[in-house]
Amino acid sequence: MTKKLLQKKYKEVSQENLALKTELAQLKKLIFGSKSERFIPAQDDAQLNIFKEDKPEEPVVEKEEITYQRNKKGKRNHPGRHKFPSHLEVEEIIIEPDFDTEEMIEIGEEVTDRLSYTKASLKIHREVRKKYKSKETEKIHIAPLPSRAIPKCIATNSLLAHILVSKMIDHLPFYRQAQMFSRDFEWHVNRGTLCHWMKLVCELLEPLYQVLIKKVTESNYINADESPIKVLEHKVEELKGKAPPMKKVMQGYMWVYRCIVSGLVFFNYRKGRGTQGPKEVLVDFVGYVQCDGLSVYDKLAKINPAIKLVGCHAHVRRKFFEAKDSDPKRAEHVLKVYQQIYAIEKRLRKQKATIQQRKDERINFTKPLLEELKIWIEIECVTVTPKSPMGKAMTYFQNQWHKLFTVIEDGNLEIDNNQIENKIRPLALGRKNYMFAGSHKGAHNLAMMYSFFASCKAKDINPQTWLTETLDVIADHPVNRLEELLPGYVVA
């Protein structure tokens, strides 16, 4: 083997080794490390260098005098406990001294408040309907049963809401809830029964879910993202002339869409990560779609020219943050630029800037930073191995440039997609507990309930209260006015 071939082979092996080390470090960080992406420069620009010969002039720093009181032991005074909520029930217990107080005068009292816990209770909701017989016709009369969300179901709407909230928000699988009912109340319910109840509730809420989808897609600015979910798929395979049912776990995807204006969110389950799902949802959409660098969105924009894509700067920053260990100098340069960009956004939020003010500030300050960063990356990328973490980060930035720069054009646009990523967190926590959806229909039902509960959270509404009240009225509610049942509905 010649020297050139050896050098080429050595270079390939070194690059592969570096890539594997980087991948291993990222996997270790995902399992054991902190999830924070906060960037702290190795050396602050304002920090003095003790090795320089010329001593720089000391900056003039305004000083502020802060005073506080100390108690006798030399410690700061305790700020005190948080006040208890005023709506909590108070159970008052009078404690008298253990001696005779008849001839004494009461001059006051000392009150000590503590919190106690009473576990939830199950009670039988019994509906007694009186029967009457007419004296003349001997016809028997009895009042009809009140309207129910699920006919013949032994669970009331409040219990159904509790079961679904426990699964979707508190991440308690049905088998665990069944164990809790058995342990705490000696009520032995099969987890299959709980699963069936959820199925019936979702069938009832399906029309409202479709209204939610329509409400979100009618907006002119939405976030979009996707997240995987394992689904148990039933397959039939021939074996010696027989066809026994076989089960296989497959990878499905939850596509999530969020309306920036209303805060409403909906999850849309799909079997794959292809264009078909977003295409069906956004076929008539007109406006901005803020997303990551998945190629599906670029294809979607070609299919529907009314869609204008907006990039996510948080995804770009994350790529360079992940490259920090393998190429610290270049990564630190980019991360410092993004520190300045996000400092501008933080200041605008703090000042509650108007749409026009946000646009002007971005044009004056953010635009030059992005343009300088683009030129720097174009110069540096030729000296970086394309398959290295830094090379991949630079390629990602260049491919997304046309979307990243869009935030300068409109003050309504957000700098990143972090808001919708926060909405996916309950799904990520939930799938660690229940591991997979039992079927494609079950995954669709999960998407529906995640949509309603994420919208409740966005509107600061108690999901238990919302679902109970919705189940109370939805069976008799006019179909053409279902929008009124959405979380946080406001009359126009």
Protein backbone atom coordinates (compact mmCIF):
# COMPACT_ATOMS: atom_id res chain seq x y z
CA MET A 1 0.00 0.00 0.00
CA THR A 2 1.46 3.36 -1.03
CA LYS A 3 2.07 6.27 1.28
CA LYS A 4 -0.76 8.33 -0.27
CA LEU A 5 -3.25 5.51 0.20
CA LEU A 6 -2.11 5.09 3.80
CA GLN A 7 -2.54 8.81 4.46
CA LYS A 8 -5.98 8.77 2.84
CA LYS A 9 -6.99 5.72 4.89
CA TYR A 10 -5.66 7.33 8.07
CA LYS A 11 -7.63 10.51 7.36
CA GLU A 12 -10.86 8.53 6.77
CA VAL A 13 -10.38 6.49 9.95
CA SER A 14 -9.60 9.64 11.97
CA GLN A 15 -12.74 11.36 10.71
CA GLU A 16 -14.85 8.28 11.43
CA ASN A 17 -13.32 8.01 14.90
CA LEU A 18 -14.07 11.68 15.61
CA ALA A 19 -17.66 11.29 14.40
CA LEU A 20 -18.18 8.19 16.59
CA LYS A 21 -16.69 9.94 19.63
CA THR A 22 -18.99 12.91 19.09
CA GLU A 23 -22.03 10.65 18.68
CA LEU A 24 -21.10 8.71 21.82
CA ALA A 25 -20.67 11.95 23.79
CA GLN A 26 -24.09 13.17 22.65
CA LEU A 27 -25.74 9.88 23.60
CA LYS A 28 -24.09 9.98 27.04
CA LYS A 29 -25.28 13.53 27.49
CA LEU A 30 -28.85 12.54 26.56
CA ILE A 31 -28.80 9.73 29.13
CA PHE A 32 -26.73 11.19 31.96
CA GLY A 33 -26.14 14.87 31.27
CA SER A 34 -27.99 18.13 31.64
CA LYS A 35 -30.47 19.06 28.91
CA SER A 36 -29.59 22.75 29.12
CA GLU A 37 -28.15 24.47 26.05
CA ARG A 38 -26.98 27.51 27.92
CA PHE A 39 -23.71 28.79 26.50
CA ILE A 40 -21.00 30.28 28.75
CA PRO A 41 -17.96 31.58 26.85
CA ALA A 42 -14.56 30.22 27.83
CA GLN A 43 -13.35 33.79 28.38
CA ASP A 44 -15.52 36.86 28.56
CA ASP A 45 -14.54 39.66 26.18
CA ALA A 46 -14.74 42.10 29.07
CA GLN A 47 -12.36 40.01 31.21
CA LEU A 48 -8.84 41.43 31.69
CA ASN A 49 -5.84 39.49 30.42
CA ILE A 50 -3.12 39.41 33.07
CA PHE A 51 -0.43 38.59 30.48
CA LYS A 52 -0.77 41.88 28.56
CA GLU A 53 1.99 44.41 29.17
CA ASP A 54 -0.20 47.49 28.83
CA LYS A 55 -2.53 47.82 31.73
CA PRO A 56 -5.93 48.92 30.47
CA GLU A 57 -7.78 51.70 32.12
CA GLU A 58 -10.22 50.56 34.76
CA PRO A 59 -13.80 51.14 33.65
CA VAL A 60 -15.96 53.43 35.70
CA VAL A 61 -18.61 51.31 37.41
CA GLU A 62 -21.62 52.86 39.04
CA LYS A 63 -22.05 51.56 42.56
CA GLU A 64 -25.35 50.97 44.26
CA GLU A 65 -25.65 50.77 48.04
CA ILE A 66 -27.81 47.89 49.26
CA THR A 67 -28.88 47.63 52.88
CA TYR A 68 -30.79 44.98 54.75
CA GLN A 69 -31.49 44.09 58.37
CA ARG A 70 -30.05 41.09 60.20
CA ASN A 71 -31.46 39.35 63.23
CA LYS A 72 -29.50 38.78 66.41
CA LYS A 73 -27.79 35.63 65.13
CA GLY A 74 -26.39 37.46 62.14
CA LYS A 75 -28.71 35.87 59.53
CA ARG A 76 -31.14 37.56 57.19
CA ASN A 77 -34.74 37.68 58.26
CA HIS A 78 -36.87 34.89 56.80
CA PRO A 79 -39.32 36.30 54.22
CA GLY A 80 -42.09 34.14 55.66
CA ARG A 81 -44.18 31.31 54.32
CA HIS A 82 -46.40 31.65 51.30
CA LYS A 83 -50.00 32.39 52.15
CA PHE A 84 -52.45 29.53 51.89
CA PRO A 85 -55.08 29.78 49.12
CA SER A 86 -58.19 31.53 50.47
CA HIS A 87 -60.61 29.00 48.91
CA LEU A 88 -59.34 26.05 50.96
CA GLU A 89 -61.70 24.63 53.57
CA VAL A 90 -60.67 25.40 57.16
CA GLU A 91 -61.17 22.82 59.92
CA GLU A 92 -60.74 24.63 63.21
CA ILE A 93 -59.66 22.78 66.36
CA ILE A 94 -59.79 24.59 69.73
CA ILE A 95 -57.05 23.54 72.15
CA GLU A 96 -57.63 24.49 75.80
CA PRO A 97 -54.96 24.38 78.54
CA ASP A 98 -54.91 21.23 80.66
CA PHE A 99 -55.88 23.16 83.82
CA ASP A 100 -59.01 24.93 85.09
CA THR A 101 -59.59 28.32 83.36
CA GLU A 102 -63.05 29.20 84.79
CA GLU A 103 -61.82 32.09 86.91
CA MET A 104 -59.46 33.39 84.21
CA ILE A 105 -60.10 36.11 81.62
CA GLU A 106 -59.50 35.25 77.96
CA ILE A 107 -57.27 37.95 76.45
CA GLY A 108 -56.55 36.54 73.00
CA GLU A 109 -55.48 33.51 71.04
CA GLU A 110 -52.63 32.19 68.94
CA VAL A 111 -53.46 30.61 65.60
CA THR A 112 -51.24 28.03 63.88
CA ASP A 113 -52.19 26.92 60.35
CA ARG A 114 -51.01 23.69 58.77
CA LEU A 115 -52.07 21.83 55.65
CA SER A 116 -53.63 18.39 55.84
CA TYR A 117 -54.51 15.97 53.06
CA THR A 118 -57.73 14.04 52.50
CA LYS A 119 -57.51 11.48 49.73
CA ALA A 120 -59.98 11.53 46.88
CA SER A 121 -63.19 9.58 47.36
CA LEU A 122 -65.42 7.48 45.16
CA LYS A 123 -69.12 7.66 45.80
CA ILE A 124 -72.10 6.03 44.18
CA HIS A 125 -74.19 8.47 42.16
CA ARG A 126 -77.66 6.99 42.59
CA GLU A 127 -80.55 8.31 40.47
CA VAL A 128 -83.94 7.31 41.88
CA ARG A 129 -86.90 7.83 39.52
CA LYS A 130 -90.34 7.63 41.04
CA LYS A 131 -93.00 5.63 39.20
CA TYR A 132 -96.61 6.80 39.03
CA LYS A 133 -99.71 5.11 37.73
CA SER A 134 -102.66 7.01 36.34
CA LYS A 135 -105.94 6.24 38.14
CA GLU A 136 -107.94 6.66 34.97
CA THR A 137 -105.84 4.89 32.32
CA GLU A 138 -103.56 2.88 34.64
CA LYS A 139 -100.65 4.02 32.48
CA ILE A 140 -97.29 4.04 34.28
CA HIS A 141 -95.35 7.33 34.22
CA ILE A 142 -91.67 7.72 35.06
CA ALA A 143 -89.18 10.56 34.48
CA PRO A 144 -86.59 9.92 31.73
CA LEU A 145 -82.94 9.50 32.66
CA PRO A 146 -80.87 12.68 32.37
CA SER A 147 -78.73 12.94 29.23
CA ARG A 148 -75.42 11.09 29.50
CA ALA A 149 -72.21 11.50 27.57
CA ILE A 150 -71.86 7.71 27.27
CA PRO A 151 -75.13 5.75 27.53
CA LYS A 152 -75.17 2.82 29.98
CA CYS A 153 -71.71 3.76 31.31
CA ILE A 154 -71.37 3.33 35.10
CA ALA A 155 -68.79 6.16 35.28
CA THR A 156 -69.96 9.74 35.63
CA ASN A 157 -68.41 12.53 33.57
CA SER A 158 -66.24 13.65 36.50
CA LEU A 159 -64.76 10.14 36.85
CA LEU A 160 -64.15 9.87 33.10
CA ALA A 161 -62.39 13.24 33.15
CA HIS A 162 -60.26 12.17 36.12
CA ILE A 163 -59.18 8.95 34.39
CA LEU A 164 -58.19 10.73 31.16
CA VAL A 165 -56.39 13.59 32.92
CA SER A 166 -54.48 11.06 35.05
CA LYS A 167 -53.33 9.25 31.91
CA MET A 168 -52.57 12.17 29.62
CA ILE A 169 -51.28 14.80 32.05
CA ASP A 170 -50.13 12.84 35.12
CA HIS A 171 -48.80 10.02 32.87
CA LEU A 172 -50.48 7.19 34.79
CA PRO A 173 -51.16 4.20 32.51
CA PHE A 174 -54.53 2.50 32.89
CA TYR A 175 -53.08 -0.57 34.64
CA ARG A 176 -51.57 1.70 37.30
CA GLN A 177 -54.84 3.55 37.78
CA ALA A 178 -56.66 0.22 38.12
CA GLN A 179 -54.18 -0.77 40.85
CA MET A 180 -54.79 2.54 42.67
CA PHE A 181 -58.58 2.12 42.56
CA SER A 182 -58.21 -1.40 43.92
CA ARG A 183 -55.79 -0.33 46.68
CA ASP A 184 -57.51 2.84 47.84
CA PHE A 185 -61.20 2.04 47.33
CA GLU A 186 -61.38 -1.75 46.90
CA TRP A 187 -63.03 -1.12 43.55
CA HIS A 188 -61.65 -3.71 41.17
CA VAL A 189 -61.85 -2.43 37.61
CA ASN A 190 -60.19 -3.98 34.59
CA ARG A 191 -57.76 -1.76 32.68
CA GLY A 192 -59.52 -2.89 29.50
CA THR A 193 -62.66 -1.22 30.82
CA LEU A 194 -60.79 2.06 31.34
CA CYS A 195 -59.38 1.80 27.82
CA HIS A 196 -62.89 1.22 26.44
CA TRP A 197 -64.21 4.28 28.27
CA MET A 198 -61.46 6.42 26.75
CA LYS A 199 -62.39 5.10 23.30
CA LEU A 200 -66.06 6.06 23.83
CA VAL A 201 -65.14 9.54 25.10
CA CYS A 202 -62.91 10.12 22.06
CA GLU A 203 -65.70 9.03 19.71
CA LEU A 204 -67.93 11.63 21.36
CA LEU A 205 -65.26 14.35 21.11
CA GLU A 206 -64.23 13.61 17.52
CA PRO A 207 -66.42 16.38 15.99
CA LEU A 208 -64.99 18.91 18.47
CA TYR A 209 -61.47 17.75 17.52
CA GLN A 210 -62.23 18.47 13.86
CA VAL A 211 -63.44 21.95 14.82
CA LEU A 212 -60.15 22.50 16.70
CA ILE A 213 -58.15 21.50 13.61
CA LYS A 214 -60.14 23.90 11.47
CA LYS A 215 -59.69 26.71 14.00
CA VAL A 216 -55.90 26.31 14.07
CA THR A 217 -55.46 26.01 10.30
CA GLU A 218 -57.61 29.10 9.69
CA SER A 219 -54.83 31.19 11.24
CA ASN A 220 -52.13 32.82 9.11
CA TYR A 221 -49.19 31.89 11.37
CA ILE A 222 -48.59 28.50 12.97
CA ASN A 223 -45.75 26.45 14.46
CA ALA A 224 -45.21 22.91 13.21
CA ASP A 225 -43.14 20.07 14.62
CA GLU A 226 -43.20 16.30 14.87
CA SER A 227 -42.30 13.65 17.45
CA PRO A 228 -42.13 9.84 17.27
CA ILE A 229 -44.42 7.43 19.09
CA LYS A 230 -44.34 3.63 19.20
CA VAL A 231 -47.54 1.93 18.01
CA LEU A 232 -48.56 -1.71 18.33
CA GLU A 233 -49.57 -2.84 14.87
CA HIS A 234 -51.54 -6.03 14.25
CA LYS A 235 -50.24 -8.11 11.34
CA VAL A 236 -51.52 -11.35 9.84
CA GLU A 237 -48.95 -13.84 8.62
CA GLU A 238 -49.55 -17.24 7.12
CA LEU A 239 -48.05 -20.09 9.06
CA LYS A 240 -48.65 -23.70 7.89
CA GLY A 241 -51.97 -22.83 6.31
CA LYS A 242 -53.14 -20.89 9.39
CA ALA A 243 -53.33 -17.14 9.89
CA PRO A 244 -52.66 -16.32 13.57
CA PRO A 245 -52.70 -12.62 14.51
CA MET A 246 -49.20 -11.23 15.00
CA LYS A 247 -48.26 -8.01 16.79
CA LYS A 248 -45.42 -5.73 15.82
CA VAL A 249 -44.26 -2.42 17.30
CA MET A 250 -43.83 0.21 14.59
CA GLN A 251 -42.75 3.84 14.56
CA GLY A 252 -45.52 6.38 14.16
CA TYR A 253 -45.36 10.17 14.36
CA MET A 254 -47.31 12.89 16.09
CA TRP A 255 -47.38 16.04 13.96
CA VAL A 256 -48.10 19.06 16.13
CA TYR A 257 -49.50 22.41 14.97
CA ARG A 258 -49.92 25.50 17.12
CA CYS A 259 -51.73 28.74 16.32
CA ILE A 260 -49.54 31.63 17.47
CA VAL A 261 -52.45 34.06 17.89
CA SER A 262 -54.93 31.91 19.85
CA GLY A 263 -52.48 29.48 21.44
CA LEU A 264 -54.67 26.51 20.42
CA VAL A 265 -52.77 23.31 19.66
CA PHE A 266 -53.63 20.11 17.88
CA PHE A 267 -51.77 16.82 17.48
CA ASN A 268 -52.22 14.83 14.28
CA TYR A 269 -51.16 11.17 14.29
CA ARG A 270 -49.64 9.68 11.15
CA LYS A 271 -48.08 6.30 10.43
CA GLY A 272 -45.02 7.90 8.86
CA ARG A 273 -42.93 11.04 8.47
CA GLY A 274 -43.78 11.69 4.83
CA THR A 275 -45.40 14.66 3.14
CA GLN A 276 -48.89 13.18 3.01
CA GLY A 277 -49.88 14.08 6.60
CA PRO A 278 -48.90 17.77 6.56
CA LYS A 279 -50.17 18.06 2.99
CA GLU A 280 -53.70 16.99 4.02
CA VAL A 281 -53.71 19.32 7.02
CA LEU A 282 -52.24 22.39 5.31
CA VAL A 283 -53.61 21.94 1.79
CA ASP A 284 -55.55 25.23 1.95
CA PHE A 285 -53.33 27.05 4.46
CA VAL A 286 -52.24 30.60 3.68
CA GLY A 287 -49.54 32.26 5.76
CA TYR A 288 -46.39 31.52 7.76
CA VAL A 289 -45.37 28.03 8.93
CA GLN A 290 -42.48 28.05 11.40
CA CYS A 291 -40.62 24.75 11.40
CA ASP A 292 -37.27 23.00 11.62
CA GLY A 293 -35.13 21.81 8.70
CA LEU A 294 -37.11 18.67 7.83
CA SER A 295 -37.29 18.41 4.03
CA VAL A 296 -41.02 17.63 4.21
CA TYR A 297 -41.76 21.29 4.87
CA ASP A 298 -39.79 22.42 1.82
CA LYS A 299 -41.74 19.97 -0.35
CA LEU A 300 -44.97 21.23 1.21
CA ALA A 301 -44.12 24.84 0.33
CA LYS A 302 -43.61 23.80 -3.31
CA ILE A 303 -46.99 22.03 -3.35
CA ASN A 304 -48.76 24.99 -1.72
CA PRO A 305 -47.08 28.30 -2.77
CA ALA A 306 -49.31 30.20 -0.30
CA ILE A 307 -47.16 28.81 2.53
CA LYS A 308 -44.14 30.86 3.56
CA LEU A 309 -41.65 28.95 5.70
CA VAL A 310 -40.02 30.50 8.77
CA GLY A 311 -36.88 28.94 10.23
CA CYS A 312 -36.07 28.12 13.83
CA HIS A 313 -32.90 29.74 15.19
CA ALA A 314 -32.98 27.50 18.27
CA HIS A 315 -32.39 24.47 16.04
CA VAL A 316 -29.40 26.19 14.41
CA ARG A 317 -27.94 27.17 17.75
CA ARG A 318 -28.39 23.59 18.98
CA LYS A 319 -26.38 22.21 16.05
CA PHE A 320 -23.41 24.45 16.88
CA PHE A 321 -23.79 23.72 20.59
CA GLU A 322 -23.50 19.99 19.84
CA ALA A 323 -20.33 20.71 17.82
CA LYS A 324 -18.74 22.60 20.72
CA ASP A 325 -16.68 19.64 21.98
CA SER A 326 -15.18 18.74 18.60
CA ASP A 327 -14.55 22.31 17.36
CA PRO A 328 -14.73 24.67 20.34
CA LYS A 329 -13.23 27.76 18.66
CA ARG A 330 -15.65 27.96 15.74
CA ALA A 331 -18.62 26.85 17.85
CA GLU A 332 -17.91 29.54 20.44
CA HIS A 333 -17.83 32.21 17.73
CA VAL A 334 -21.31 31.23 16.47
CA LEU A 335 -22.75 30.81 19.96
CA LYS A 336 -21.55 34.30 20.93
CA VAL A 337 -23.39 35.74 17.92
CA TYR A 338 -26.55 33.93 18.96
CA GLN A 339 -26.12 35.20 22.50
CA GLN A 340 -26.36 38.72 21.12
CA ILE A 341 -29.38 37.86 18.96
CA TYR A 342 -31.28 36.33 21.87
CA ALA A 343 -30.29 39.23 24.12
CA ILE A 344 -32.07 41.53 21.64
CA GLU A 345 -35.18 39.31 21.74
CA LYS A 346 -35.13 39.24 25.53
CA ARG A 347 -34.93 43.02 25.68
CA LEU A 348 -37.84 43.37 23.25
CA ARG A 349 -39.99 41.02 25.34
CA LYS A 350 -39.10 42.87 28.51
CA GLN A 351 -40.01 46.21 26.94
CA LYS A 352 -43.24 44.71 25.50
CA ALA A 353 -42.26 46.11 22.12
CA THR A 354 -44.87 46.61 19.43
CA ILE A 355 -44.81 44.70 16.15
CA GLN A 356 -43.23 47.65 14.32
CA GLN A 357 -40.63 48.15 17.07
CA ARG A 358 -39.65 44.48 16.86
CA LYS A 359 -39.23 44.75 13.11
CA ASP A 360 -37.14 47.94 13.33
CA GLU A 361 -34.87 46.52 16.06
CA ARG A 362 -34.30 43.32 14.10
CA ILE A 363 -33.46 45.26 10.94
CA ASN A 364 -31.04 47.54 12.80
CA PHE A 365 -29.34 44.96 15.03
CA THR A 366 -30.24 41.33 14.26
CA LYS A 367 -29.94 41.60 10.47
CA PRO A 368 -26.25 42.72 10.48
CA LEU A 369 -25.37 39.95 12.94
CA LEU A 370 -26.99 37.27 10.76
CA GLU A 371 -25.43 38.60 7.55
CA GLU A 372 -21.95 38.71 9.10
CA LEU A 373 -22.44 35.18 10.45
CA LYS A 374 -23.49 33.96 6.99
CA ILE A 375 -20.35 35.41 5.38
CA TRP A 376 -18.14 33.91 8.11
CA ILE A 377 -19.69 30.44 7.65
CA GLU A 378 -19.26 30.62 3.87
CA ILE A 379 -15.53 31.34 4.39
CA GLU A 380 -14.96 28.76 7.13
CA CYS A 381 -17.00 25.89 5.70
CA VAL A 382 -14.37 25.11 3.03
CA THR A 383 -11.84 24.34 5.79
CA VAL A 384 -14.16 22.03 7.73
CA THR A 385 -14.83 18.36 7.06
CA PRO A 386 -18.43 18.13 5.78
CA LYS A 387 -19.28 15.03 7.85
CA SER A 388 -17.94 16.48 11.11
CA PRO A 389 -20.40 17.98 13.64
CA MET A 390 -19.22 21.48 12.73
CA GLY A 391 -19.53 20.75 9.01
CA LYS A 392 -23.07 19.45 9.49
CA ALA A 393 -23.99 22.52 11.57
CA MET A 394 -22.66 24.89 8.90
CA THR A 395 -24.45 22.99 6.13
CA TYR A 396 -27.69 23.12 8.12
CA PHE A 397 -27.33 26.89 8.56
CA GLN A 398 -26.70 27.46 4.85
CA ASN A 399 -29.60 25.23 3.78
CA GLN A 400 -31.98 27.00 6.16
CA TRP A 401 -30.78 30.54 5.45
CA HIS A 402 -33.78 31.55 3.32
CA LYS A 403 -36.10 30.52 6.18
CA LEU A 404 -33.96 31.91 9.02
CA PHE A 405 -33.82 35.38 7.47
CA THR A 406 -37.62 35.56 7.21
CA VAL A 407 -37.93 36.65 10.87
CA ILE A 408 -36.49 40.02 9.86
CA GLU A 409 -39.40 40.71 7.50
CA ASP A 410 -42.29 40.66 9.96
CA GLY A 411 -42.41 41.76 13.61
CA ASN A 412 -45.17 39.22 14.30
CA LEU A 413 -42.76 36.32 13.79
CA GLU A 414 -41.01 34.56 16.66
CA ILE A 415 -37.29 33.88 16.62
CA ASP A 416 -37.66 30.12 17.17
CA ASN A 417 -40.00 27.18 17.50
CA ASN A 418 -39.53 26.64 21.24
CA GLN A 419 -43.19 27.23 22.12
CA ILE A 420 -44.40 24.21 20.18
CA GLU A 421 -41.53 22.06 21.46
CA ASN A 422 -42.82 22.76 24.96
CA LYS A 423 -46.21 21.38 23.90
CA ILE A 424 -44.60 18.08 22.89
CA ARG A 425 -43.06 17.48 26.32
CA PRO A 426 -46.17 15.77 27.79
CA LEU A 427 -46.04 13.30 24.89
CA ALA A 428 -42.34 12.61 25.56
CA LEU A 429 -43.05 12.01 29.26
CA GLY A 430 -46.15 9.95 28.59
CA ARG A 431 -44.57 7.50 26.15
CA LYS A 432 -41.94 6.67 28.76
CA ASN A 433 -44.75 5.39 30.97
CA TYR A 434 -47.16 3.66 28.62
CA MET A 435 -44.35 2.80 26.11
CA PHE A 436 -46.61 2.54 23.03
CA ALA A 437 -50.13 3.05 21.74
CA GLY A 438 -52.17 -0.13 21.43
CA SER A 439 -53.24 0.53 17.84
CA HIS A 440 -53.33 3.21 15.16
CA LYS A 441 -56.82 4.18 16.35
CA GLY A 442 -55.48 4.39 19.91
CA ALA A 443 -52.67 6.69 18.74
CA HIS A 444 -55.28 8.88 17.04
CA ASN A 445 -57.22 9.07 20.32
CA LEU A 446 -54.03 10.03 22.16
CA ALA A 447 -53.47 12.81 19.62
CA MET A 448 -57.01 14.08 20.22
CA MET A 449 -56.71 14.24 24.01
CA TYR A 450 -53.21 15.74 23.89
CA SER A 451 -54.67 18.45 21.62
CA PHE A 452 -57.42 19.41 24.05
CA PHE A 453 -55.21 19.33 27.15
CA ALA A 454 -52.37 21.29 25.49
CA SER A 455 -54.92 23.93 24.48
CA CYS A 456 -56.22 24.02 28.07
CA LYS A 457 -52.69 24.63 29.32
CA ALA A 458 -52.17 27.41 26.77
CA LYS A 459 -55.37 29.08 27.99
CA ASP A 460 -54.53 28.48 31.70
CA ILE A 461 -57.67 26.34 32.13
CA ASN A 462 -58.01 23.38 34.51
CA PRO A 463 -58.30 20.37 32.14
CA GLN A 464 -60.31 18.33 34.66
CA THR A 465 -62.91 21.08 34.93
CA TRP A 466 -63.01 21.69 31.16
CA LEU A 467 -63.45 18.03 30.24
CA THR A 468 -66.12 17.42 32.89
CA GLU A 469 -68.16 20.46 31.80
CA THR A 470 -67.73 19.58 28.12
CA LEU A 471 -68.92 16.00 28.61
CA ASP A 472 -71.92 17.35 30.54
CA VAL A 473 -73.21 19.31 27.54
CA ILE A 474 -71.67 18.02 24.31
CA ALA A 475 -74.26 15.26 23.72
CA ASP A 476 -77.06 17.87 23.44
CA HIS A 477 -74.99 20.77 22.06
CA PRO A 478 -75.84 22.05 18.54
CA VAL A 479 -73.34 20.76 16.00
CA ASN A 480 -73.02 24.14 14.29
CA ARG A 481 -71.94 25.75 17.58
CA LEU A 482 -69.31 23.24 18.73
CA GLU A 483 -66.66 25.98 18.61
CA GLU A 484 -68.17 27.32 21.84
CA LEU A 485 -66.89 24.22 23.67
CA LEU A 486 -63.22 24.76 22.75
CA PRO A 487 -60.90 25.68 25.65
CA GLY A 488 -60.94 29.44 26.26
CA TYR A 489 -63.63 30.18 23.70
CA VAL A 490 -64.28 33.92 23.44
CA VAL A 491 -67.40 35.32 21.78
CA ALA A 492 -66.35 37.37 18.76
